[in-house]
Amino acid sequence: FTELHGDEEVVAEAFKVETDKLLNFMQTATPFEIITMEDILKELFELRDFRDQMNLAIKNDLEPLEQEMKDIITTVKETSDSIDRTEDTIQDTHETVQDATNESKNMERTYRALSSQFEEREQQ
């Protein structure tokens, strides 16, 4: 580059002027903002703190929901067990009623048979 333009000091000064113009432009225009390592670390620490706050908020929201879900699951299990016991009771009651009905029919037959025998004896 110096070979084309001559004096090294002139070239260095021109380079510095143009570089300063570019840096000034980049510092004033937000898309070209210069970020230092300190800026990056500061932002990373802020993001980490934000993440930690969000994790805590989510945890605080999820813990009660988790307990509610456990309670719901327990209630559903207890209700299901209760339904099973009720079904068993209904089946047992049905069998008892069926047995009582059969016993009643047997007693009716016995009564008719005895009544018939009694009537026959009275007629004799």
Protein backbone atom coordinates (compact mmCIF):
# COMPACT_ATOMS: atom_id res chain seq x y z
CA PHE A 1 0.00 0.00 0.00
CA THR A 2 2.92 2.35 0.84
CA GLU A 3 4.51 1.56 -2.49
CA LEU A 4 1.52 3.05 -4.29
CA HIS A 5 1.06 6.09 -2.06
CA GLY A 6 4.60 6.91 -0.97
CA ASP A 7 5.43 8.05 2.55
CA GLU A 8 4.64 5.61 5.36
CA GLU A 9 3.73 8.37 7.81
CA VAL A 10 1.21 9.84 5.37
CA VAL A 11 -0.29 6.42 4.79
CA ALA A 12 -0.41 5.71 8.54
CA GLU A 13 -2.08 9.06 9.23
CA ALA A 14 -4.63 8.50 6.45
CA PHE A 15 -5.32 5.02 7.80
CA LYS A 16 -5.80 6.43 11.33
CA VAL A 17 -8.18 9.14 10.08
CA GLU A 18 -10.27 6.69 8.11
CA THR A 19 -10.26 4.18 10.95
CA ASP A 20 -11.37 6.87 13.41
CA LYS A 21 -14.19 7.85 11.05
CA LEU A 22 -15.28 4.23 10.87
CA LEU A 23 -15.11 3.79 14.67
CA ASN A 24 -17.11 6.99 15.22
CA PHE A 25 -19.71 5.82 12.73
CA MET A 26 -19.93 2.38 14.34
CA GLN A 27 -20.28 3.84 17.85
CA THR A 28 -23.12 6.15 16.85
CA ALA A 29 -25.00 3.64 14.72
CA THR A 30 -26.64 1.03 16.99
CA PRO A 31 -26.34 -1.95 14.63
CA PHE A 32 -22.58 -1.41 14.62
CA GLU A 33 -22.17 -0.77 18.33
CA ILE A 34 -18.80 -1.96 19.56
CA ILE A 35 -19.11 -4.42 22.39
CA THR A 36 -16.22 -5.03 24.73
CA MET A 37 -15.50 -8.24 26.59
CA GLU A 38 -16.69 -6.49 29.76
CA ASP A 39 -20.00 -5.67 28.04
CA ILE A 40 -20.39 -9.31 27.02
CA LEU A 41 -19.60 -10.57 30.53
CA LYS A 42 -21.97 -8.04 32.08
CA GLU A 43 -24.76 -9.15 29.75
CA LEU A 44 -23.99 -12.83 30.44
CA PHE A 45 -24.22 -12.23 34.21
CA GLU A 46 -27.48 -10.33 33.75
CA LEU A 47 -28.86 -13.16 31.62
CA ARG A 48 -27.73 -15.72 34.18
CA ASP A 49 -29.48 -13.78 36.96
CA PHE A 50 -32.61 -13.49 34.81
CA ARG A 51 -32.48 -17.23 34.10
CA ASP A 52 -32.14 -17.99 37.81
CA GLN A 53 -35.12 -15.72 38.61
CA MET A 54 -37.21 -17.41 35.92
CA ASN A 55 -36.22 -20.88 37.16
CA LEU A 56 -37.25 -19.91 40.68
CA ALA A 57 -40.57 -18.47 39.47
CA ILE A 58 -41.27 -21.60 37.44
CA LYS A 59 -40.32 -23.84 40.36
CA ASN A 60 -42.60 -21.86 42.68
CA ASP A 61 -45.43 -22.20 40.17
CA LEU A 62 -44.83 -25.90 39.49
CA GLU A 63 -44.51 -27.16 43.07
CA PRO A 64 -48.15 -26.41 44.00
CA LEU A 65 -49.31 -27.80 40.66
CA GLU A 66 -47.30 -30.96 41.25
CA GLN A 67 -48.89 -31.39 44.69
CA GLU A 68 -52.34 -30.75 43.23
CA MET A 69 -51.71 -33.41 40.57
CA LYS A 70 -50.60 -35.89 43.26
CA ASP A 71 -53.77 -35.10 45.23
CA ILE A 72 -55.92 -35.55 42.12
CA ILE A 73 -54.24 -38.87 41.31
CA THR A 74 -54.81 -40.04 44.90
CA THR A 75 -58.47 -38.97 44.74
CA VAL A 76 -58.99 -40.71 41.38
CA LYS A 77 -57.38 -43.91 42.75
CA GLU A 78 -59.53 -43.79 45.88
CA THR A 79 -62.65 -43.14 43.80
CA SER A 80 -61.78 -46.00 41.47
CA ASP A 81 -61.28 -48.33 44.45
CA SER A 82 -64.59 -47.15 45.91
CA ILE A 83 -66.33 -47.83 42.59
CA ASP A 84 -64.82 -51.32 42.52
CA ARG A 85 -66.06 -51.98 46.07
CA THR A 86 -69.50 -50.61 45.16
CA GLU A 87 -69.65 -52.86 42.10
CA ASP A 88 -68.72 -55.84 44.29
CA THR A 89 -71.42 -54.86 46.81
CA ILE A 90 -73.99 -54.52 44.03
CA GLN A 91 -73.03 -57.94 42.67
CA ASP A 92 -73.24 -59.48 46.16
CA THR A 93 -76.62 -57.79 46.74
CA HIS A 94 -77.86 -59.03 43.36
CA GLU A 95 -76.83 -62.57 44.28
CA THR A 96 -78.50 -62.24 47.68
CA VAL A 97 -81.72 -60.97 46.08
CA GLN A 98 -81.55 -63.79 43.52
CA ASP A 99 -81.08 -66.33 46.34
CA ALA A 100 -83.97 -64.78 48.30
CA THR A 101 -86.17 -64.86 45.18
CA ASN A 102 -85.35 -68.51 44.61
CA GLU A 103 -85.99 -69.27 48.29
CA SER A 104 -89.30 -67.40 48.08
CA LYS A 105 -90.30 -69.43 45.00
CA ASN A 106 -89.35 -72.64 46.82
CA MET A 107 -91.39 -71.59 49.83
CA GLU A 108 -94.34 -70.76 47.56
CA ARG A 109 -94.12 -74.20 45.93
CA THR A 110 -93.90 -75.81 49.36
CA TYR A 111 -96.89 -73.78 50.55
CA ARG A 112 -98.91 -74.78 47.48
CA ALA A 113 -97.95 -78.40 47.91
CA LEU A 114 -98.88 -78.32 51.60
CA SER A 115 -102.07 -76.41 50.84
CA SER A 116 -102.96 -78.94 48.20
CA GLN A 117 -102.31 -81.81 50.62
CA PHE A 118 -104.31 -80.08 53.34
CA GLU A 119 -107.23 -79.55 50.99
CA GLU A 120 -107.12 -83.18 49.91
CA ARG A 121 -107.23 -84.31 53.53
CA GLU A 122 -110.12 -82.01 54.29
CA GLN A 123 -111.99 -83.40 51.33
CA GLN A 124 -111.46 -86.96 52.47
